[in-house]
Amino acid sequence: MASSDLACAGIAFTIEPDSGFRDIILLSGVYGLGENIVQGAVTPDEFYVFKPTLRAGKNPVVMKKLGEKAKTMVYAAAGSAGNHLNLDTPPENAAALYCPTKKPNPRRLVAAN
């Protein structure tokens, strides 16, 4: 498993966790490191993927939810106090863009804060 704060991180459930439905994959994602999902500190973006449609080579996303992603965790610069920074995600990124996307680069958040 790789750990990167340059894009998005997330969690995948190969069976829908609430109902146990075997034909749905639940993907959850946030900007930066995934620790904020694990801690329950943010509401991530969610993608529900239907396995039979995925196998058929068609668009398998049956539902997606845009999360608030209020925080973005990144690695702190060398010599900083602590290993991580938990920065405010700019509202234009958190509320308007799904993770993953080609924007934003969390490193830009460090310069802004």
Protein backbone atom coordinates (compact mmCIF):
# COMPACT_ATOMS: atom_id res chain seq x y z
CA MET A 1 0.00 0.00 0.00
CA ALA A 2 1.33 3.41 -0.96
CA SER A 3 0.81 6.51 1.12
CA SER A 4 0.59 9.76 -0.81
CA ASP A 5 -0.75 13.20 -0.03
CA LEU A 6 -0.42 14.56 -3.57
CA ALA A 7 -3.88 13.61 -4.81
CA CYS A 8 -6.66 11.57 -3.21
CA ALA A 9 -6.91 8.69 -0.81
CA GLY A 10 -9.80 6.49 0.04
CA ILE A 11 -11.40 3.28 1.17
CA ALA A 12 -13.08 0.59 -0.92
CA PHE A 13 -15.67 -1.90 0.30
CA THR A 14 -16.19 -4.79 -2.12
CA ILE A 15 -19.61 -5.47 -0.58
CA GLU A 16 -22.00 -2.65 0.32
CA PRO A 17 -21.34 -2.28 4.07
CA ASP A 18 -24.81 -1.26 5.26
CA SER A 19 -26.93 -3.84 3.45
CA GLY A 20 -24.39 -6.55 2.61
CA PHE A 21 -25.44 -6.41 -1.06
CA ARG A 22 -22.74 -8.34 -2.95
CA ASP A 23 -23.05 -6.60 -6.33
CA ILE A 24 -22.13 -3.09 -5.12
CA ILE A 25 -18.66 -1.67 -4.48
CA LEU A 26 -18.52 1.44 -2.28
CA LEU A 27 -15.59 3.79 -2.90
CA SER A 28 -15.01 6.73 -0.53
CA GLY A 29 -12.41 9.42 -1.20
CA VAL A 30 -10.89 12.61 0.17
CA TYR A 31 -8.06 14.92 -0.84
CA GLY A 32 -4.66 14.23 0.70
CA LEU A 33 -4.07 11.35 3.10
CA GLY A 34 -6.93 9.01 4.00
CA GLU A 35 -6.58 9.33 7.76
CA ASN A 36 -9.47 11.81 7.86
CA ILE A 37 -11.81 9.10 6.50
CA VAL A 38 -10.55 6.53 9.01
CA GLN A 39 -11.02 8.98 11.90
CA GLY A 40 -14.46 10.06 10.67
CA ALA A 41 -13.21 13.66 10.62
CA VAL A 42 -14.70 14.48 7.19
CA THR A 43 -17.56 13.42 4.98
CA PRO A 44 -15.90 11.86 1.90
CA ASP A 45 -17.12 11.65 -1.67
CA GLU A 46 -18.82 8.31 -2.29
CA PHE A 47 -19.17 6.28 -5.47
CA TYR A 48 -21.43 3.22 -5.72
CA VAL A 49 -20.29 0.85 -8.48
CA PHE A 50 -22.50 -1.98 -9.80
CA LYS A 51 -20.26 -5.03 -10.38
CA PRO A 52 -22.26 -6.68 -13.22
CA THR A 53 -22.19 -3.43 -15.24
CA LEU A 54 -18.47 -3.07 -14.53
CA ARG A 55 -17.88 -6.59 -15.84
CA ALA A 56 -19.91 -5.76 -18.96
CA GLY A 57 -17.60 -2.82 -19.71
CA LYS A 58 -20.33 -0.20 -19.31
CA ASN A 59 -20.55 2.80 -16.98
CA PRO A 60 -20.83 1.09 -13.59
CA VAL A 61 -21.37 4.14 -11.35
CA VAL A 62 -24.97 3.95 -10.16
CA MET A 63 -24.75 6.74 -7.58
CA LYS A 64 -22.27 9.29 -6.37
CA LYS A 65 -22.43 11.69 -3.44
CA LEU A 66 -20.32 14.82 -3.11
CA GLY A 67 -18.89 14.99 0.43
CA GLU A 68 -17.93 18.17 2.24
CA LYS A 69 -14.23 17.19 2.60
CA ALA A 70 -13.63 20.14 4.96
CA LYS A 71 -10.07 19.06 5.84
CA THR A 72 -7.11 17.85 3.77
CA MET A 73 -4.32 15.99 5.58
CA VAL A 74 -0.83 16.33 4.07
CA TYR A 75 2.68 15.49 5.19
CA ALA A 76 4.40 18.33 7.03
CA ALA A 77 7.61 19.78 5.63
CA ALA A 78 10.86 18.31 6.92
CA GLY A 79 11.85 19.92 10.21
CA SER A 80 8.27 20.92 11.08
CA ALA A 81 6.69 20.09 14.39
CA GLY A 82 4.70 16.90 13.79
CA ASN A 83 4.49 14.65 10.76
CA HIS A 84 1.16 15.81 9.31
CA LEU A 85 -0.86 18.96 8.77
CA ASN A 86 -4.65 18.88 8.68
CA LEU A 87 -5.53 21.90 6.57
CA ASP A 88 -8.83 23.50 5.68
CA THR A 89 -9.83 22.49 2.17
CA PRO A 90 -10.67 25.57 0.08
CA PRO A 91 -14.49 25.70 -0.25
CA GLU A 92 -14.35 25.86 -4.04
CA ASN A 93 -12.56 22.48 -4.05
CA ALA A 94 -14.47 20.75 -1.27
CA ALA A 95 -17.96 21.62 -2.41
CA ALA A 96 -17.59 21.56 -6.19
CA LEU A 97 -15.10 18.84 -7.15
CA TYR A 98 -15.27 15.09 -6.76
CA CYS A 99 -12.23 13.21 -5.55
CA PRO A 100 -10.53 11.90 -7.58
CA THR A 101 -10.20 14.71 -10.07
CA LYS A 102 -7.30 16.35 -11.86
CA LYS A 103 -7.51 19.26 -9.41
CA PRO A 104 -6.60 20.35 -6.75
CA ASN A 105 -3.05 19.58 -5.73
CA PRO A 106 -2.96 19.47 -1.90
CA ARG A 107 0.59 20.89 -1.96
CA ARG A 108 -0.98 24.19 -3.00
CA LEU A 109 -2.96 24.12 0.23
CA VAL A 110 0.27 24.16 2.25
CA ALA A 111 1.41 27.34 0.52
CA ALA A 112 -2.00 28.96 1.08
CA ASN A 113 -2.11 28.25 4.84
